[in-house]
Amino acid sequence: MVLAPPDPPAWGPASAEAWLQALLPTPVKRIEAAGGTVLLVGGDPGLVALRLNNAAVRVGLFAQKWWGARAVLVDESLVAVPWARIPADPDHAKAMLGHLIDAAIVARKARFFRCERCVTLRPPEWLHANRLGPAACQMCGREGDTSPA
């Protein structure tokens, strides 16, 4: 018995990028990475990151690690879905990936903290690291200053 080769995936980075961007919170940043990989970051501050390459789409939480005065993006992958596993029907494909994107957004927002000075909900990378006392964001934190703004 000879098996027929599998059908090629209905989707790929080029064909899915536009509708994937529409599923992300605005604004959406598009970054071209090495090896033809495209990184899409949704939200400001960043909430969710998608990495699209020829093999799969990776859905992850947006995460940012500080290196000195520069910020470097590090996305934390939740799941990688091979293009061949994404339904060919556009509505089903959007629903499937939309649920994964929503889950990443909920997980990311669960890491936010409330600044005890300005009482604003901030992403974890905005936590002022060089101070003692209450949790303060980068906007409010000043080294050694624990008095109200």
Protein backbone atom coordinates (compact mmCIF):
# COMPACT_ATOMS: atom_id res chain seq x y z
CA MET A 1 0.00 0.00 0.00
CA VAL A 2 1.42 3.34 -1.05
CA LEU A 3 0.39 6.34 1.00
CA ALA A 4 -0.15 9.64 -0.74
CA PRO A 5 1.98 12.50 0.53
CA PRO A 6 0.19 14.78 2.96
CA ASP A 7 -1.43 17.92 1.61
CA PRO A 8 0.65 21.05 2.06
CA PRO A 9 -0.45 23.28 4.96
CA ALA A 10 -3.22 25.73 4.13
CA TRP A 11 -1.37 28.46 6.01
CA GLY A 12 2.14 29.78 6.32
CA PRO A 13 3.82 32.96 7.55
CA ALA A 14 2.98 35.00 4.45
CA SER A 15 -0.63 33.85 4.08
CA ALA A 16 -1.55 34.09 7.77
CA GLU A 17 0.27 37.23 8.90
CA ALA A 18 -2.49 39.73 8.04
CA TRP A 19 -5.28 37.92 9.87
CA LEU A 20 -2.99 37.10 12.81
CA GLN A 21 -2.22 40.82 13.18
CA ALA A 22 -5.96 41.50 13.27
CA LEU A 23 -6.30 39.12 16.27
CA LEU A 24 -3.68 41.00 18.31
CA PRO A 25 -4.29 43.99 20.59
CA THR A 26 -3.19 47.29 19.06
CA PRO A 27 -0.71 48.63 18.37
CA VAL A 28 1.03 45.76 16.61
CA LYS A 29 4.79 45.91 16.08
CA ARG A 30 6.30 43.80 13.31
CA ILE A 31 9.95 42.80 13.66
CA GLU A 32 11.87 40.78 11.08
CA ALA A 33 14.25 38.39 12.83
CA ALA A 34 17.01 36.10 11.59
CA GLY A 35 16.18 33.20 9.30
CA GLY A 36 13.01 34.69 7.87
CA THR A 37 11.21 34.65 11.21
CA VAL A 38 8.65 37.39 11.78
CA LEU A 39 7.87 38.57 15.30
CA LEU A 40 4.52 40.26 15.94
CA VAL A 41 4.07 42.01 19.30
CA GLY A 42 0.57 43.12 20.27
CA GLY A 43 -0.28 45.81 22.80
CA ASP A 44 1.41 48.74 24.49
CA PRO A 45 2.83 47.75 26.84
CA GLY A 46 3.44 44.45 25.05
CA LEU A 47 1.01 41.71 25.96
CA VAL A 48 1.49 38.88 23.49
CA ALA A 49 4.20 37.85 21.03
CA LEU A 50 3.81 35.67 17.95
CA ARG A 51 6.79 34.17 16.13
CA LEU A 52 6.06 33.04 12.60
CA ASN A 53 8.51 30.88 10.69
CA ASN A 54 8.17 28.31 7.92
CA ALA A 55 7.45 25.48 10.37
CA ALA A 56 5.03 26.94 12.93
CA VAL A 57 3.50 29.89 14.71
CA ARG A 58 4.58 30.29 18.34
CA VAL A 59 2.23 32.06 20.73
CA GLY A 60 3.85 33.49 23.83
CA LEU A 61 3.66 36.05 26.59
CA PHE A 62 5.50 39.25 25.88
CA ALA A 63 8.42 39.49 28.27
CA GLN A 64 11.20 42.02 28.39
CA LYS A 65 14.52 41.74 30.20
CA TRP A 66 16.61 44.82 30.90
CA TRP A 67 20.26 44.84 29.87
CA GLY A 68 21.71 48.10 31.14
CA ALA A 69 19.90 51.01 29.54
CA ARG A 70 18.61 48.87 26.66
CA ALA A 71 15.56 46.63 26.64
CA VAL A 72 15.72 43.25 24.92
CA LEU A 73 12.58 41.36 23.95
CA VAL A 74 12.30 37.83 25.22
CA ASP A 75 9.01 36.12 24.46
CA GLU A 76 7.98 33.24 26.66
CA SER A 77 6.39 30.63 24.44
CA LEU A 78 3.21 28.98 25.59
CA VAL A 79 2.72 26.81 22.53
CA ALA A 80 4.06 26.23 19.04
CA VAL A 81 1.49 25.17 16.46
CA PRO A 82 2.79 23.67 13.21
CA TRP A 83 1.15 25.23 10.16
CA ALA A 84 -0.06 21.76 9.09
CA ARG A 85 -2.11 21.53 12.33
CA ILE A 86 -3.95 24.80 11.79
CA PRO A 87 -7.40 24.25 10.24
CA ALA A 88 -7.71 25.22 6.57
CA ASP A 89 -11.04 26.94 7.23
CA PRO A 90 -10.25 30.60 8.00
CA ASP A 91 -12.93 30.92 10.69
CA HIS A 92 -11.72 27.82 12.52
CA ALA A 93 -8.08 28.87 12.21
CA LYS A 94 -8.85 32.33 13.62
CA ALA A 95 -10.90 30.86 16.47
CA MET A 96 -8.17 28.38 17.40
CA LEU A 97 -5.32 30.89 17.42
CA GLY A 98 -7.55 33.60 18.90
CA HIS A 99 -8.10 31.44 21.99
CA LEU A 100 -4.35 30.88 22.36
CA ILE A 101 -3.67 34.61 21.99
CA ASP A 102 -6.36 35.43 24.58
CA ALA A 103 -4.82 32.92 27.02
CA ALA A 104 -1.40 34.52 26.59
CA ILE A 105 -2.87 37.98 27.25
CA VAL A 106 -4.60 36.82 30.44
CA ALA A 107 -1.39 35.15 31.68
CA ARG A 108 0.65 38.28 30.89
CA LYS A 109 -1.78 40.64 32.64
CA ALA A 110 -1.70 38.39 35.73
CA ARG A 111 1.97 39.39 36.14
CA PHE A 112 1.27 43.14 36.25
CA PHE A 113 1.71 44.99 39.56
CA ARG A 114 0.10 48.09 40.99
CA CYS A 115 2.55 50.90 41.72
CA GLU A 116 2.07 51.94 45.32
CA ARG A 117 2.89 55.56 44.50
CA CYS A 118 0.88 56.37 41.36
CA VAL A 119 -1.58 53.45 41.82
CA THR A 120 -1.24 52.54 38.14
CA LEU A 121 -1.22 48.94 36.92
CA ARG A 122 2.20 48.37 35.31
CA PRO A 123 3.96 45.47 33.56
CA PRO A 124 6.57 43.60 35.62
CA GLU A 125 9.54 45.01 33.69
CA TRP A 126 8.54 48.49 34.95
CA LEU A 127 9.17 47.51 38.59
CA HIS A 128 11.87 49.77 39.98
CA ALA A 129 14.58 47.35 41.08
CA ASN A 130 17.01 49.64 42.94
CA ARG A 131 15.02 50.68 45.96
CA LEU A 132 13.75 49.53 49.29
CA GLY A 133 10.21 50.05 50.45
CA PRO A 134 6.93 49.91 48.57
CA ALA A 135 6.67 48.57 45.01
CA ALA A 136 7.16 51.49 42.64
CA CYS A 137 7.21 51.71 38.87
CA GLN A 138 10.07 53.14 36.84
CA MET A 139 8.19 56.43 36.52
CA CYS A 140 7.88 56.89 40.30
CA GLY A 141 10.91 55.08 41.68
CA ARG A 142 13.95 57.04 42.71
CA GLU A 143 16.81 55.37 44.44
CA GLY A 144 16.64 56.02 48.16
CA ASP A 145 13.43 58.08 47.94
CA THR A 146 10.50 56.40 49.68
CA SER A 147 8.46 59.55 50.22
CA PRO A 148 5.24 60.08 48.25
CA ALA A 149 5.61 61.77 44.86
